[in-house]
Amino acid sequence: MAGPSQPQVTDEVWDDDRVKSFLDLEPHGENADFHVLLKAYRGMRVEDFDRFLVFFTDAGRNLDAKDPHGRTLWSIIENHRQGADFIVLRKKYN
């Protein structure tokens, strides 16, 4: 993500290995599946997140994992401006 002193990168290529690497992220006090979903949502464009969900579900991970407060990623992002596009992807896996 771009910050005030960092230029935004919009044409960066995310190959499958980079997308899959999010599956290996270690949680910090929360459910591992929730943690990687949240990190992927925060770090990926919609099209990359779509590919990530294929790898995530193929690995047998839980799309409805909850944070320590009992919230799923989907309930958290439902009010985010960009969240709707990500929630549409979730519906592919019902």
N, C-alpha and C. Protein backbone atom coordinates (compact mmCIF):
# COMPACT_ATOMS: atom_id res chain seq x y z
N MET A 1 0.84 -1.18 0.00
CA MET A 1 0.00 0.00 0.00
C MET A 1 0.88 1.25 0.00
N ALA A 2 0.48 2.23 -0.70
CA ALA A 2 1.25 3.45 -0.80
C ALA A 2 0.95 4.37 0.37
N GLY A 3 1.98 4.94 0.91
CA GLY A 3 1.83 5.91 1.98
C GLY A 3 2.21 7.29 1.46
N PRO A 4 2.22 8.28 2.34
CA PRO A 4 2.52 9.65 1.91
C PRO A 4 3.88 9.80 1.25
N SER A 5 4.87 9.01 1.69
CA SER A 5 6.21 9.16 1.13
C SER A 5 6.56 8.05 0.14
N GLN A 6 5.58 7.23 -0.18
CA GLN A 6 5.83 6.09 -1.05
C GLN A 6 4.89 6.18 -2.26
N PRO A 7 5.42 6.12 -3.47
CA PRO A 7 4.54 6.21 -4.64
C PRO A 7 3.67 4.96 -4.76
N GLN A 8 2.45 5.15 -5.24
CA GLN A 8 1.54 4.04 -5.42
C GLN A 8 1.96 3.22 -6.64
N VAL A 9 1.95 1.90 -6.49
CA VAL A 9 2.28 0.99 -7.59
C VAL A 9 1.00 0.34 -8.03
N THR A 10 0.61 0.56 -9.29
CA THR A 10 -0.67 0.02 -9.75
C THR A 10 -0.52 -1.04 -10.83
N ASP A 11 0.65 -1.16 -11.42
CA ASP A 11 0.81 -2.12 -12.51
C ASP A 11 1.74 -3.27 -12.12
N GLU A 12 1.91 -3.49 -10.84
CA GLU A 12 2.78 -4.54 -10.34
C GLU A 12 2.20 -5.92 -10.68
N VAL A 13 3.06 -6.83 -11.10
CA VAL A 13 2.63 -8.17 -11.47
C VAL A 13 2.69 -9.08 -10.25
N TRP A 14 1.60 -9.77 -9.99
CA TRP A 14 1.53 -10.74 -8.90
C TRP A 14 1.43 -12.12 -9.52
N ASP A 15 2.52 -12.88 -9.48
CA ASP A 15 2.47 -14.24 -10.02
C ASP A 15 1.86 -15.16 -8.96
N ASP A 16 1.60 -16.41 -9.35
CA ASP A 16 0.96 -17.35 -8.44
C ASP A 16 1.76 -17.57 -7.16
N ASP A 17 3.08 -17.61 -7.27
CA ASP A 17 3.89 -17.82 -6.08
C ASP A 17 3.73 -16.68 -5.08
N ARG A 18 3.66 -15.48 -5.57
CA ARG A 18 3.49 -14.34 -4.67
C ARG A 18 2.11 -14.38 -4.02
N VAL A 19 1.09 -14.70 -4.80
CA VAL A 19 -0.26 -14.79 -4.26
C VAL A 19 -0.33 -15.91 -3.21
N LYS A 20 0.25 -17.06 -3.52
CA LYS A 20 0.24 -18.20 -2.58
C LYS A 20 1.04 -17.90 -1.31
N SER A 21 2.03 -17.03 -1.40
CA SER A 21 2.87 -16.76 -0.23
C SER A 21 2.06 -16.24 0.96
N PHE A 22 0.90 -15.66 0.71
CA PHE A 22 0.06 -15.17 1.79
C PHE A 22 -0.46 -16.31 2.66
N LEU A 23 -0.53 -17.52 2.10
CA LEU A 23 -0.97 -18.67 2.88
C LEU A 23 -0.01 -19.00 4.01
N ASP A 24 1.23 -18.54 3.91
CA ASP A 24 2.26 -18.85 4.90
C ASP A 24 2.42 -17.79 5.98
N LEU A 25 1.63 -16.74 5.91
CA LEU A 25 1.75 -15.68 6.91
C LEU A 25 1.36 -16.21 8.28
N GLU A 26 2.11 -15.82 9.28
CA GLU A 26 1.89 -16.26 10.65
C GLU A 26 0.98 -15.28 11.39
N PRO A 27 -0.01 -15.80 12.10
CA PRO A 27 -0.93 -14.93 12.84
C PRO A 27 -0.27 -14.36 14.11
N HIS A 28 -0.83 -13.28 14.57
CA HIS A 28 -0.38 -12.65 15.81
C HIS A 28 -1.58 -12.53 16.74
N GLY A 29 -1.91 -13.62 17.44
CA GLY A 29 -3.00 -13.60 18.39
C GLY A 29 -4.38 -13.75 17.80
N GLU A 30 -4.46 -14.25 16.57
CA GLU A 30 -5.77 -14.48 15.97
C GLU A 30 -5.74 -15.75 15.14
N ASN A 31 -6.89 -16.19 14.71
CA ASN A 31 -7.02 -17.38 13.90
C ASN A 31 -6.17 -17.26 12.63
N ALA A 32 -5.42 -18.29 12.30
CA ALA A 32 -4.50 -18.24 11.15
C ALA A 32 -5.26 -18.01 9.85
N ASP A 33 -6.41 -18.65 9.67
CA ASP A 33 -7.17 -18.46 8.42
C ASP A 33 -7.70 -17.04 8.32
N PHE A 34 -8.22 -16.50 9.42
CA PHE A 34 -8.68 -15.12 9.42
C PHE A 34 -7.52 -14.18 9.10
N HIS A 35 -6.39 -14.43 9.73
CA HIS A 35 -5.22 -13.56 9.56
C HIS A 35 -4.80 -13.47 8.08
N VAL A 36 -4.67 -14.62 7.41
CA VAL A 36 -4.22 -14.57 6.02
C VAL A 36 -5.27 -13.96 5.11
N LEU A 37 -6.55 -14.20 5.39
CA LEU A 37 -7.61 -13.57 4.60
C LEU A 37 -7.53 -12.05 4.72
N LEU A 38 -7.38 -11.57 5.94
CA LEU A 38 -7.32 -10.12 6.17
C LEU A 38 -6.10 -9.51 5.48
N LYS A 39 -4.95 -10.16 5.63
CA LYS A 39 -3.74 -9.65 5.00
C LYS A 39 -3.86 -9.65 3.47
N ALA A 40 -4.46 -10.70 2.92
CA ALA A 40 -4.65 -10.77 1.47
C ALA A 40 -5.60 -9.67 1.01
N TYR A 41 -6.68 -9.47 1.73
CA TYR A 41 -7.64 -8.40 1.39
C TYR A 41 -6.95 -7.04 1.41
N ARG A 42 -6.16 -6.80 2.43
CA ARG A 42 -5.49 -5.50 2.55
C ARG A 42 -4.39 -5.30 1.53
N GLY A 43 -3.78 -6.40 1.06
CA GLY A 43 -2.62 -6.26 0.20
C GLY A 43 -2.82 -6.54 -1.27
N MET A 44 -3.98 -7.06 -1.63
CA MET A 44 -4.18 -7.48 -3.03
C MET A 44 -5.28 -6.70 -3.72
N ARG A 45 -5.12 -6.62 -5.02
CA ARG A 45 -6.20 -6.11 -5.86
C ARG A 45 -7.26 -7.20 -5.97
N VAL A 46 -8.44 -6.85 -6.39
CA VAL A 46 -9.55 -7.80 -6.47
C VAL A 46 -9.18 -9.01 -7.32
N GLU A 47 -8.56 -8.80 -8.47
CA GLU A 47 -8.25 -9.93 -9.36
C GLU A 47 -7.21 -10.87 -8.74
N ASP A 48 -6.29 -10.33 -7.95
CA ASP A 48 -5.31 -11.18 -7.27
C ASP A 48 -5.96 -11.91 -6.10
N PHE A 49 -6.84 -11.23 -5.39
CA PHE A 49 -7.56 -11.84 -4.28
C PHE A 49 -8.44 -12.99 -4.78
N ASP A 50 -9.01 -12.84 -5.96
CA ASP A 50 -9.81 -13.91 -6.57
C ASP A 50 -8.95 -15.16 -6.74
N ARG A 51 -7.76 -15.00 -7.26
CA ARG A 51 -6.84 -16.13 -7.43
C ARG A 51 -6.42 -16.69 -6.07
N PHE A 52 -6.19 -15.82 -5.11
CA PHE A 52 -5.83 -16.24 -3.77
C PHE A 52 -6.90 -17.14 -3.17
N LEU A 53 -8.17 -16.79 -3.34
CA LEU A 53 -9.25 -17.59 -2.77
C LEU A 53 -9.27 -19.01 -3.32
N VAL A 54 -8.88 -19.19 -4.57
CA VAL A 54 -8.78 -20.54 -5.13
C VAL A 54 -7.73 -21.33 -4.36
N PHE A 55 -6.55 -20.75 -4.17
CA PHE A 55 -5.47 -21.43 -3.44
C PHE A 55 -5.88 -21.67 -1.98
N PHE A 56 -6.52 -20.70 -1.39
CA PHE A 56 -6.95 -20.76 0.01
C PHE A 56 -7.92 -21.92 0.21
N THR A 57 -8.95 -22.00 -0.62
CA THR A 57 -9.94 -23.06 -0.47
C THR A 57 -9.37 -24.42 -0.86
N ASP A 58 -8.50 -24.46 -1.88
CA ASP A 58 -7.85 -25.72 -2.26
C ASP A 58 -7.01 -26.28 -1.12
N ALA A 59 -6.49 -25.40 -0.27
CA ALA A 59 -5.68 -25.81 0.87
C ALA A 59 -6.55 -26.22 2.07
N GLY A 60 -7.87 -26.17 1.89
CA GLY A 60 -8.78 -26.56 2.96
C GLY A 60 -8.94 -25.54 4.07
N ARG A 61 -8.64 -24.30 3.76
CA ARG A 61 -8.73 -23.23 4.76
C ARG A 61 -10.18 -22.77 4.90
N ASN A 62 -10.49 -22.12 6.00
CA ASN A 62 -11.85 -21.71 6.36
C ASN A 62 -12.13 -20.27 5.95
N LEU A 63 -13.01 -20.10 4.96
CA LEU A 63 -13.38 -18.77 4.49
C LEU A 63 -14.16 -17.97 5.53
N ASP A 64 -14.74 -18.65 6.49
CA ASP A 64 -15.54 -17.97 7.51
C ASP A 64 -14.85 -17.96 8.87
N ALA A 65 -13.52 -18.01 8.86
CA ALA A 65 -12.76 -17.92 10.10
C ALA A 65 -13.05 -16.58 10.77
N LYS A 66 -12.94 -16.57 12.09
CA LYS A 66 -13.29 -15.36 12.84
C LYS A 66 -12.09 -14.79 13.59
N ASP A 67 -12.15 -13.49 13.78
CA ASP A 67 -11.14 -12.81 14.57
C ASP A 67 -11.46 -13.01 16.06
N PRO A 68 -10.63 -12.49 16.97
CA PRO A 68 -10.89 -12.68 18.40
C PRO A 68 -12.21 -12.07 18.88
N HIS A 69 -12.82 -11.21 18.07
CA HIS A 69 -14.09 -10.57 18.43
C HIS A 69 -15.28 -11.27 17.79
N GLY A 70 -15.03 -12.41 17.12
CA GLY A 70 -16.11 -13.18 16.51
C GLY A 70 -16.57 -12.68 15.15
N ARG A 71 -15.78 -11.83 14.52
CA ARG A 71 -16.15 -11.28 13.21
C ARG A 71 -15.42 -12.02 12.10
N THR A 72 -16.11 -12.22 10.99
CA THR A 72 -15.45 -12.75 9.79
C THR A 72 -14.91 -11.58 8.98
N LEU A 73 -14.02 -11.88 8.06
CA LEU A 73 -13.52 -10.84 7.16
C LEU A 73 -14.69 -10.17 6.45
N TRP A 74 -15.64 -10.98 6.02
CA TRP A 74 -16.76 -10.50 5.21
C TRP A 74 -17.64 -9.53 5.99
N SER A 75 -17.84 -9.79 7.29
CA SER A 75 -18.64 -8.86 8.09
C SER A 75 -17.88 -7.56 8.34
N ILE A 76 -16.59 -7.63 8.40
CA ILE A 76 -15.78 -6.43 8.61
C ILE A 76 -15.78 -5.54 7.37
N ILE A 77 -15.66 -6.15 6.20
CA ILE A 77 -15.49 -5.34 4.98
C ILE A 77 -16.79 -4.96 4.31
N GLU A 78 -17.92 -5.42 4.83
CA GLU A 78 -19.19 -5.13 4.16
C GLU A 78 -19.48 -3.63 4.08
N ASN A 79 -18.91 -2.84 4.95
CA ASN A 79 -19.11 -1.39 4.91
C ASN A 79 -17.93 -0.63 4.32
N HIS A 80 -16.92 -1.36 3.86
CA HIS A 80 -15.78 -0.70 3.21
C HIS A 80 -16.19 -0.30 1.80
N ARG A 81 -15.69 0.80 1.36
CA ARG A 81 -15.99 1.30 0.02
C ARG A 81 -15.63 0.28 -1.06
N GLN A 82 -14.47 -0.36 -0.94
CA GLN A 82 -14.05 -1.34 -1.94
C GLN A 82 -14.45 -2.76 -1.56
N GLY A 83 -15.07 -2.96 -0.41
CA GLY A 83 -15.39 -4.28 0.08
C GLY A 83 -16.38 -5.07 -0.76
N ALA A 84 -17.31 -4.40 -1.41
CA ALA A 84 -18.35 -5.10 -2.18
C ALA A 84 -17.77 -6.01 -3.25
N ASP A 85 -16.74 -5.57 -3.94
CA ASP A 85 -16.13 -6.39 -4.99
C ASP A 85 -15.51 -7.66 -4.42
N PHE A 86 -14.98 -7.56 -3.21
CA PHE A 86 -14.37 -8.72 -2.56
C PHE A 86 -15.45 -9.68 -2.05
N ILE A 87 -16.53 -9.14 -1.55
CA ILE A 87 -17.63 -9.96 -1.03
C ILE A 87 -18.26 -10.75 -2.17
N VAL A 88 -18.36 -10.18 -3.35
CA VAL A 88 -18.88 -10.90 -4.52
C VAL A 88 -18.05 -12.16 -4.75
N LEU A 89 -16.74 -12.05 -4.59
CA LEU A 89 -15.86 -13.21 -4.78
C LEU A 89 -16.16 -14.29 -3.76
N ARG A 90 -16.45 -13.91 -2.53
CA ARG A 90 -16.76 -14.89 -1.48
C ARG A 90 -17.97 -15.72 -1.88
N LYS A 91 -18.94 -15.10 -2.51
CA LYS A 91 -20.19 -15.77 -2.87
C LYS A 91 -19.97 -16.89 -3.89
N LYS A 92 -18.83 -16.87 -4.56
CA LYS A 92 -18.52 -17.95 -5.52
C LYS A 92 -18.26 -19.26 -4.79
N TYR A 93 -18.02 -19.21 -3.49
CA TYR A 93 -17.61 -20.40 -2.74
C TYR A 93 -18.68 -20.88 -1.75
N ASN A 94 -19.91 -20.49 -1.93
CA ASN A 94 -21.00 -20.96 -1.06
C ASN A 94 -21.38 -22.38 -1.37
